[in-house]
Amino acid sequence: MKKKLEVILFRLLSRHSFVSDHEKSLYLILFAACTYAVSMNFILMLFHLVINVTPLFLISLTGFLSNMLGFWLVERGRYLPVGLLISGTVIIHALASAICIGTKNLVIVYLLTTLVMQFIIPYATFRIRTLVTAALWASMIALVFIGHHMTPLRDIGDAYGALAMFNIHLAFFGIGIQLTIGNTIWDAIIRFNHEALEKSKSEANTDPLTGLFNRRYADFFFNKLTAGQLEQVWCVAMLDIDDFKMLNDAYGHLIGDDVLMFISDFIRTNLRRTDLVFRWGGEEFLILLKDADVSNAFRILDKLRYKLASENIETHDIILNVTVTIGVCPLDIYNVEKSIDTCDRLMYEGKDLGKNIVVM
């Protein structure tokens, strides 16, 4: 149950951006308060309809609609009006119920539940919540006065017991939820913050067009490699799209971007799961092949090159055939920059040899 609630709270947080964890907490707890208030008013509305107490039915209906408005206010960050709206509708309902059917139904628990809210939910300044607390205190005194000095407008007979039982449960669960939901809310906030942080890290380390790792992540990866934190045997390759500038000039950058995305997906799909691909810049891609000597790396990349040359890229009613040239060499983990320069030089040798080739 708690896990399901956390999932719901997490989805609510995902709908908005917040300036602080305090605002996230306030948003969630007031959303929960509105949900509870709407539910209780709906049940009371049906109860008063069944026992035919029209004034209380109308007041419950008004409370139901007012608390539905509370959702709209919560979504817009209007937390003060939400707290005042919930507190005000409870006071009105309690006093009206006492006048209409008396206090034998334990209507005072409405006020007690709302009183707890003033201490737990910081929807307003301390001064404002103190004033609301005073209004609740005055309302409780008014209920005692009404109960002792006024005759109810309507006697609902045996329904008093059922309503009193409902009100006891309303107060018990209402106060219990307020006292315990805070932990669940903070668990959801911690999870949300963690996933947002991981997403931020991922976005910082990936190329926005292709979704491949970028040079920033490559630096991080090579630092870990040099420090001995990863497997040591790799080959490095530089892949360049042949005649990409001519393609861009002929068809425009929109087509060029589609080609980049197609080839990025193609490389990622046709390499091994242990290999890594980086968008190095423009139409260049850096490839790291794990646990492969240079001859094995050559076979893997030449198969990739051949398969790509056999593919047609269809985009915007244009059919293109694109080839790549690749230079590959063993990676010296203690001199990464030199290894990258070497495979880059080999790639340019492949260009001079006629392109659409792997050179090692």
Protein backbone atom coordinates (compact mmCIF):
# COMPACT_ATOMS: atom_id res chain seq x y z
CA MET A 1 0.00 0.00 0.00
CA LYS A 2 2.81 2.37 0.95
CA LYS A 3 4.65 1.61 -2.30
CA LYS A 4 1.54 2.33 -4.35
CA LEU A 5 1.06 5.62 -2.49
CA GLU A 6 4.69 6.56 -3.15
CA VAL A 7 4.18 5.88 -6.86
CA ILE A 8 1.13 8.17 -6.91
CA LEU A 9 3.01 10.92 -5.05
CA PHE A 10 5.99 10.54 -7.39
CA ARG A 11 3.73 11.00 -10.42
CA LEU A 12 2.24 14.12 -8.87
CA LEU A 13 5.71 15.60 -8.34
CA SER A 14 6.63 14.83 -11.95
CA ARG A 15 3.88 17.15 -13.20
CA HIS A 16 5.47 20.32 -11.82
CA SER A 17 8.76 22.06 -11.11
CA PHE A 18 9.36 23.18 -7.54
CA VAL A 19 11.81 25.62 -5.99
CA SER A 20 12.40 23.58 -2.83
CA ASP A 21 11.69 20.30 -1.06
CA HIS A 22 9.47 22.26 1.35
CA GLU A 23 7.21 23.26 -1.54
CA LYS A 24 7.12 19.67 -2.78
CA SER A 25 6.05 18.49 0.67
CA LEU A 26 3.41 21.21 0.99
CA TYR A 27 2.04 20.46 -2.47
CA LEU A 28 1.67 16.74 -1.74
CA ILE A 29 0.19 17.05 1.74
CA LEU A 30 -2.37 19.65 0.62
CA PHE A 31 -3.26 17.47 -2.36
CA ALA A 32 -3.84 14.63 0.10
CA ALA A 33 -5.86 16.95 2.36
CA CYS A 34 -8.09 17.95 -0.57
CA THR A 35 -8.56 14.31 -1.54
CA TYR A 36 -9.61 13.43 2.01
CA ALA A 37 -11.91 16.46 2.33
CA VAL A 38 -13.61 15.76 -1.02
CA SER A 39 -14.15 12.12 -0.08
CA MET A 40 -15.65 12.94 3.33
CA ASN A 41 -17.94 15.64 1.95
CA PHE A 42 -19.15 13.27 -0.74
CA ILE A 43 -20.05 10.60 1.82
CA LEU A 44 -21.76 13.17 4.07
CA MET A 45 -23.63 14.54 1.08
CA LEU A 46 -25.03 11.09 0.32
CA PHE A 47 -25.85 10.47 4.00
CA HIS A 48 -27.77 13.72 4.35
CA LEU A 49 -29.57 13.01 1.11
CA VAL A 50 -30.67 9.58 2.38
CA ILE A 51 -31.95 10.94 5.73
CA ASN A 52 -33.54 13.87 3.89
CA VAL A 53 -31.83 16.76 5.69
CA THR A 54 -31.79 19.19 2.77
CA PRO A 55 -29.82 22.07 4.42
CA LEU A 56 -26.95 19.77 5.37
CA PHE A 57 -27.07 18.09 1.96
CA LEU A 58 -26.61 21.50 0.34
CA ILE A 59 -23.81 22.43 2.74
CA SER A 60 -22.03 19.11 2.07
CA LEU A 61 -22.46 19.69 -1.65
CA THR A 62 -20.97 23.17 -1.28
CA GLY A 63 -18.08 21.72 0.72
CA PHE A 64 -17.54 19.04 -1.92
CA LEU A 65 -17.41 21.61 -4.73
CA SER A 66 -15.23 23.96 -2.68
CA ASN A 67 -12.71 21.24 -1.95
CA MET A 68 -12.70 20.27 -5.63
CA LEU A 69 -11.70 23.89 -6.24
CA GLY A 70 -8.90 23.22 -3.76
CA PHE A 71 -7.28 20.82 -6.27
CA TRP A 72 -7.20 23.62 -8.83
CA LEU A 73 -5.57 25.95 -6.30
CA VAL A 74 -3.01 23.34 -5.24
CA GLU A 75 -1.99 22.76 -8.87
CA ARG A 76 -1.28 26.49 -9.16
CA GLY A 77 0.67 26.72 -5.93
CA ARG A 78 -2.01 28.73 -4.10
CA TYR A 79 -1.49 26.97 -0.79
CA LEU A 80 -2.86 29.64 1.56
CA PRO A 81 -6.34 29.75 -0.05
CA VAL A 82 -6.45 25.93 0.02
CA GLY A 83 -5.79 25.77 3.76
CA LEU A 84 -8.32 28.53 4.49
CA LEU A 85 -10.89 26.93 2.18
CA ILE A 86 -10.67 23.54 3.90
CA SER A 87 -10.74 25.08 7.39
CA GLY A 88 -13.62 27.42 6.54
CA THR A 89 -15.84 24.71 5.02
CA VAL A 90 -15.28 22.50 8.08
CA ILE A 91 -16.27 25.29 10.50
CA ILE A 92 -19.40 26.10 8.49
CA HIS A 93 -20.38 22.44 8.22
CA ALA A 94 -19.85 21.79 11.95
CA LEU A 95 -21.93 24.78 13.05
CA ALA A 96 -24.68 24.11 10.51
CA SER A 97 -24.82 20.43 11.53
CA ALA A 98 -25.12 21.39 15.21
CA ILE A 99 -27.99 23.77 14.46
CA CYS A 100 -29.82 21.36 12.13
CA ILE A 101 -29.46 18.02 13.92
CA GLY A 102 -27.66 18.79 17.18
CA THR A 103 -24.30 17.65 18.57
CA LYS A 104 -25.13 14.04 19.52
CA ASN A 105 -23.43 12.92 16.31
CA LEU A 106 -20.04 14.10 17.71
CA VAL A 107 -19.71 16.78 15.04
CA ILE A 108 -17.02 18.45 17.16
CA VAL A 109 -14.48 15.94 15.79
CA TYR A 110 -14.58 17.82 12.46
CA LEU A 111 -13.06 20.78 14.25
CA LEU A 112 -10.51 18.65 16.14
CA THR A 113 -9.27 17.08 12.91
CA THR A 114 -8.92 20.50 11.30
CA LEU A 115 -7.16 21.79 14.42
CA VAL A 116 -4.45 19.15 13.98
CA MET A 117 -4.05 20.39 10.42
CA GLN A 118 -3.03 23.84 11.69
CA PHE A 119 -0.05 22.34 13.53
CA ILE A 120 1.04 19.84 10.88
CA ILE A 121 0.51 21.56 7.52
CA PRO A 122 2.44 24.85 7.15
CA TYR A 123 0.15 26.22 4.44
CA ALA A 124 0.40 29.77 5.84
CA THR A 125 2.40 31.87 8.26
CA PHE A 126 2.28 31.03 11.97
CA ARG A 127 0.16 34.13 12.59
CA ILE A 128 -2.53 33.14 10.08
CA ARG A 129 -2.70 29.58 11.36
CA THR A 130 -2.97 30.92 14.91
CA LEU A 131 -5.98 32.98 13.85
CA VAL A 132 -7.57 29.92 12.23
CA THR A 133 -6.86 27.95 15.42
CA ALA A 134 -8.65 30.66 17.40
CA ALA A 135 -11.61 30.42 15.03
CA LEU A 136 -11.72 26.65 15.54
CA TRP A 137 -11.52 27.09 19.33
CA ALA A 138 -14.40 29.61 19.21
CA SER A 139 -16.40 27.20 17.04
CA MET A 140 -15.94 24.42 19.59
CA ILE A 141 -17.27 26.69 22.32
CA ALA A 142 -20.18 27.59 20.05
CA LEU A 143 -20.94 23.88 19.58
CA VAL A 144 -21.09 23.38 23.35
CA PHE A 145 -23.43 26.36 23.66
CA ILE A 146 -25.65 25.12 20.80
CA GLY A 147 -25.75 21.62 22.26
CA HIS A 148 -26.91 22.85 25.68
CA HIS A 149 -29.13 25.77 24.81
CA MET A 150 -30.70 25.11 21.42
CA THR A 151 -33.17 22.52 20.20
CA PRO A 152 -32.10 20.95 16.87
CA LEU A 153 -34.27 21.75 13.88
CA ARG A 154 -34.48 18.07 12.99
CA ASP A 155 -34.38 14.81 14.99
CA ILE A 156 -32.82 12.09 12.83
CA GLY A 157 -33.51 9.28 15.34
CA ASP A 158 -31.47 6.11 14.85
CA ALA A 159 -29.31 7.84 12.23
CA TYR A 160 -27.47 9.65 15.07
CA GLY A 161 -25.62 6.46 15.93
CA ALA A 162 -24.54 5.77 12.36
CA LEU A 163 -23.42 9.36 11.84
CA ALA A 164 -21.55 9.42 15.16
CA MET A 165 -19.74 6.20 14.19
CA PHE A 166 -18.82 7.72 10.81
CA ASN A 167 -17.56 10.90 12.48
CA ILE A 168 -15.39 8.93 14.91
CA HIS A 169 -13.78 7.10 12.00
CA LEU A 170 -13.45 10.36 10.07
CA ALA A 171 -11.50 11.92 12.94
CA PHE A 172 -9.45 8.80 13.64
CA PHE A 173 -8.29 8.31 10.07
CA GLY A 174 -8.05 12.02 9.35
CA ILE A 175 -5.71 12.66 12.26
CA GLY A 176 -3.85 9.38 11.68
CA ILE A 177 -3.22 10.24 8.04
CA GLN A 178 -1.94 13.69 8.94
CA LEU A 179 0.45 12.27 11.54
CA THR A 180 1.85 9.49 9.35
CA ILE A 181 1.71 10.62 5.73
CA GLY A 182 4.67 12.93 6.21
CA ASN A 183 7.15 10.03 6.19
CA THR A 184 5.67 8.62 2.99
CA ILE A 185 5.75 12.05 1.36
CA TRP A 186 9.42 12.57 2.23
CA ASP A 187 10.27 9.07 0.96
CA ALA A 188 8.61 10.01 -2.35
CA ILE A 189 10.50 13.33 -2.44
CA ILE A 190 13.85 11.62 -1.77
CA ARG A 191 13.17 9.12 -4.57
CA PHE A 192 12.05 11.91 -6.90
CA ASN A 193 15.18 13.96 -6.16
CA HIS A 194 17.42 10.94 -6.70
CA GLU A 195 15.87 10.12 -10.08
CA ALA A 196 15.96 13.79 -11.11
CA LEU A 197 19.66 13.89 -10.24
CA GLU A 198 20.36 10.71 -12.22
CA LYS A 199 18.42 12.12 -15.17
CA SER A 200 20.40 15.35 -14.96
CA LYS A 201 23.66 13.42 -14.94
CA SER A 202 22.50 11.37 -17.91
CA GLU A 203 21.53 14.47 -19.89
CA ALA A 204 24.89 16.08 -19.08
CA ASN A 205 26.73 13.00 -20.42
CA THR A 206 24.77 12.41 -23.62
CA ASP A 207 24.48 14.12 -26.96
CA PRO A 208 20.98 15.64 -27.27
CA LEU A 209 20.58 14.77 -30.98
CA THR A 210 21.76 11.15 -31.08
CA GLY A 211 21.45 10.07 -27.45
CA LEU A 212 25.03 8.74 -27.57
CA PHE A 213 27.62 9.49 -24.91
CA ASN A 214 29.41 12.81 -25.44
CA ARG A 215 33.03 13.90 -25.01
CA ARG A 216 32.38 14.94 -21.43
CA TYR A 217 31.48 11.39 -20.50
CA ALA A 218 34.41 10.12 -22.55
CA ASP A 219 36.79 12.14 -20.34
CA PHE A 220 35.16 10.66 -17.24
CA PHE A 221 35.39 7.15 -18.68
CA PHE A 222 39.05 7.49 -19.69
CA ASN A 223 39.94 8.83 -16.23
CA LYS A 224 38.40 5.72 -14.63
CA LEU A 225 40.18 3.55 -17.16
CA THR A 226 43.56 5.14 -16.43
CA ALA A 227 42.95 4.77 -12.69
CA GLY A 228 42.55 1.01 -13.14
CA GLN A 229 38.87 0.98 -12.17
CA LEU A 230 37.76 -0.72 -15.42
CA GLU A 231 38.81 -3.55 -17.72
CA GLN A 232 42.10 -2.66 -19.38
CA VAL A 233 41.94 -4.26 -22.87
CA TRP A 234 40.24 -2.07 -25.47
CA CYS A 235 40.55 -1.03 -29.06
CA VAL A 236 39.62 2.48 -30.13
CA ALA A 237 38.16 3.50 -33.49
CA MET A 238 37.25 6.77 -35.19
CA LEU A 239 34.28 6.56 -37.57
CA ASP A 240 33.47 9.36 -40.00
CA ILE A 241 30.51 9.65 -42.37
CA ASP A 242 31.74 9.93 -45.93
CA ASP A 243 30.90 13.14 -47.82
CA PHE A 244 28.64 14.37 -45.01
CA LYS A 245 29.27 18.05 -45.83
CA MET A 246 28.14 17.48 -49.42
CA LEU A 247 25.01 15.72 -48.12
CA ASN A 248 24.23 18.65 -45.84
CA ASP A 249 24.80 21.18 -48.62
CA ALA A 250 22.61 19.22 -51.04
CA TYR A 251 19.68 18.32 -48.76
CA GLY A 252 19.91 20.64 -45.76
CA HIS A 253 20.67 20.19 -42.07
CA LEU A 254 17.30 18.57 -41.31
CA ILE A 255 18.17 15.63 -43.58
CA GLY A 256 21.70 15.67 -42.17
CA ASP A 257 20.37 15.34 -38.63
CA ASP A 258 18.18 12.40 -39.69
CA VAL A 259 21.25 10.69 -41.15
CA LEU A 260 23.22 11.28 -37.94
CA MET A 261 20.43 9.77 -35.86
CA PHE A 262 20.06 6.80 -38.20
CA ILE A 263 23.78 6.01 -38.15
CA SER A 264 23.96 6.49 -34.37
CA ASP A 265 21.20 3.92 -33.88
CA PHE A 266 22.76 1.65 -36.48
CA ILE A 267 26.17 1.66 -34.78
CA ARG A 268 24.66 1.14 -31.34
CA THR A 269 22.47 -1.73 -32.58
CA ASN A 270 25.17 -3.56 -34.53
CA LEU A 271 27.99 -3.44 -32.02
CA ARG A 272 28.28 -5.70 -28.98
CA ARG A 273 26.57 -4.69 -25.75
CA THR A 274 29.97 -4.29 -24.08
CA ASP A 275 31.19 -1.73 -26.66
CA LEU A 276 30.80 2.02 -26.24
CA VAL A 277 29.97 4.72 -28.80
CA PHE A 278 30.54 8.47 -28.38
CA ARG A 279 29.43 11.40 -30.54
CA TRP A 280 32.85 12.94 -30.97
CA GLY A 281 31.85 15.99 -32.98
CA GLY A 282 30.04 16.76 -36.23
CA GLU A 283 29.87 13.52 -38.20
CA GLU A 284 32.59 11.76 -36.21
CA PHE A 285 31.98 8.92 -33.74
CA LEU A 286 34.48 7.40 -31.33
CA ILE A 287 34.05 3.67 -30.70
CA LEU A 288 35.58 1.61 -27.89
CA LEU A 289 35.58 -2.17 -28.35
CA LYS A 290 36.08 -4.15 -25.16
CA ASP A 291 38.30 -7.24 -24.86
CA ALA A 292 39.18 -7.17 -28.56
CA ASP A 293 42.61 -7.23 -30.21
CA VAL A 294 43.05 -5.05 -33.26
CA SER A 295 42.38 -7.86 -35.79
CA ASN A 296 39.14 -8.84 -34.05
CA ALA A 297 38.14 -5.18 -33.79
CA PHE A 298 38.83 -4.81 -37.52
CA ARG A 299 36.49 -7.72 -38.34
CA ILE A 300 33.70 -6.30 -36.15
CA LEU A 301 33.98 -2.83 -37.67
CA ASP A 302 34.36 -4.02 -41.25
CA LYS A 303 31.19 -6.07 -40.87
CA LEU A 304 29.48 -2.93 -39.52
CA ARG A 305 30.80 -0.85 -42.43
CA TYR A 306 29.69 -3.40 -45.03
CA LYS A 307 26.22 -3.76 -43.55
CA LEU A 308 25.73 0.02 -43.41
CA ALA A 309 26.83 0.41 -47.04
CA SER A 310 24.09 -2.07 -47.99
CA GLU A 311 21.40 -0.06 -46.20
CA ASN A 312 19.16 2.64 -47.66
CA ILE A 313 18.20 5.57 -45.47
CA GLU A 314 14.69 6.83 -46.21
CA THR A 315 13.85 10.29 -44.87
CA HIS A 316 11.46 13.00 -46.09
CA ASP A 317 10.77 11.08 -49.34
CA ILE A 318 14.51 10.90 -50.05
CA ILE A 319 16.46 7.65 -50.29
CA LEU A 320 20.13 7.89 -49.42
CA ASN A 321 23.01 5.46 -49.37
CA VAL A 322 25.65 6.51 -46.85
CA THR A 323 29.06 4.99 -46.22
CA VAL A 324 31.62 5.45 -43.44
CA THR A 325 35.37 5.31 -43.12
CA ILE A 326 36.93 3.94 -39.94
CA GLY A 327 40.38 3.94 -38.41
CA VAL A 328 41.09 1.48 -35.57
CA CYS A 329 44.04 0.76 -33.29
CA PRO A 330 44.72 -0.67 -29.80
CA LEU A 331 43.97 1.72 -26.93
CA ASP A 332 46.93 2.67 -24.76
CA ILE A 333 45.17 3.45 -21.47
CA TYR A 334 48.19 5.45 -20.30
CA ASN A 335 48.24 7.58 -23.43
CA VAL A 336 44.62 7.82 -24.53
CA GLU A 337 45.06 11.04 -26.48
CA LYS A 338 47.82 9.51 -28.63
CA SER A 339 45.67 6.44 -29.35
CA ILE A 340 42.77 8.65 -30.46
CA ASP A 341 45.11 10.67 -32.69
CA THR A 342 46.38 7.42 -34.22
CA CYS A 343 42.93 6.05 -35.10
CA ASP A 344 41.98 9.51 -36.38
CA ARG A 345 45.04 9.52 -38.67
CA LEU A 346 44.20 6.00 -39.88
CA MET A 347 40.65 7.12 -40.63
CA TYR A 348 41.99 9.96 -42.82
CA GLU A 349 44.27 7.47 -44.59
CA GLY A 350 41.11 5.54 -45.40
CA LYS A 351 39.61 8.70 -46.90
CA ASP A 352 42.65 9.02 -49.16
CA LEU A 353 42.29 5.38 -50.19
CA GLY A 354 38.76 5.99 -51.50
CA LYS A 355 36.53 5.96 -48.40
CA ASN A 356 34.10 3.23 -47.27
CA ILE A 357 36.94 1.29 -45.67
CA VAL A 358 38.35 0.23 -42.31
CA VAL A 359 42.06 0.90 -41.76
CA MET A 360 44.16 -0.52 -38.93
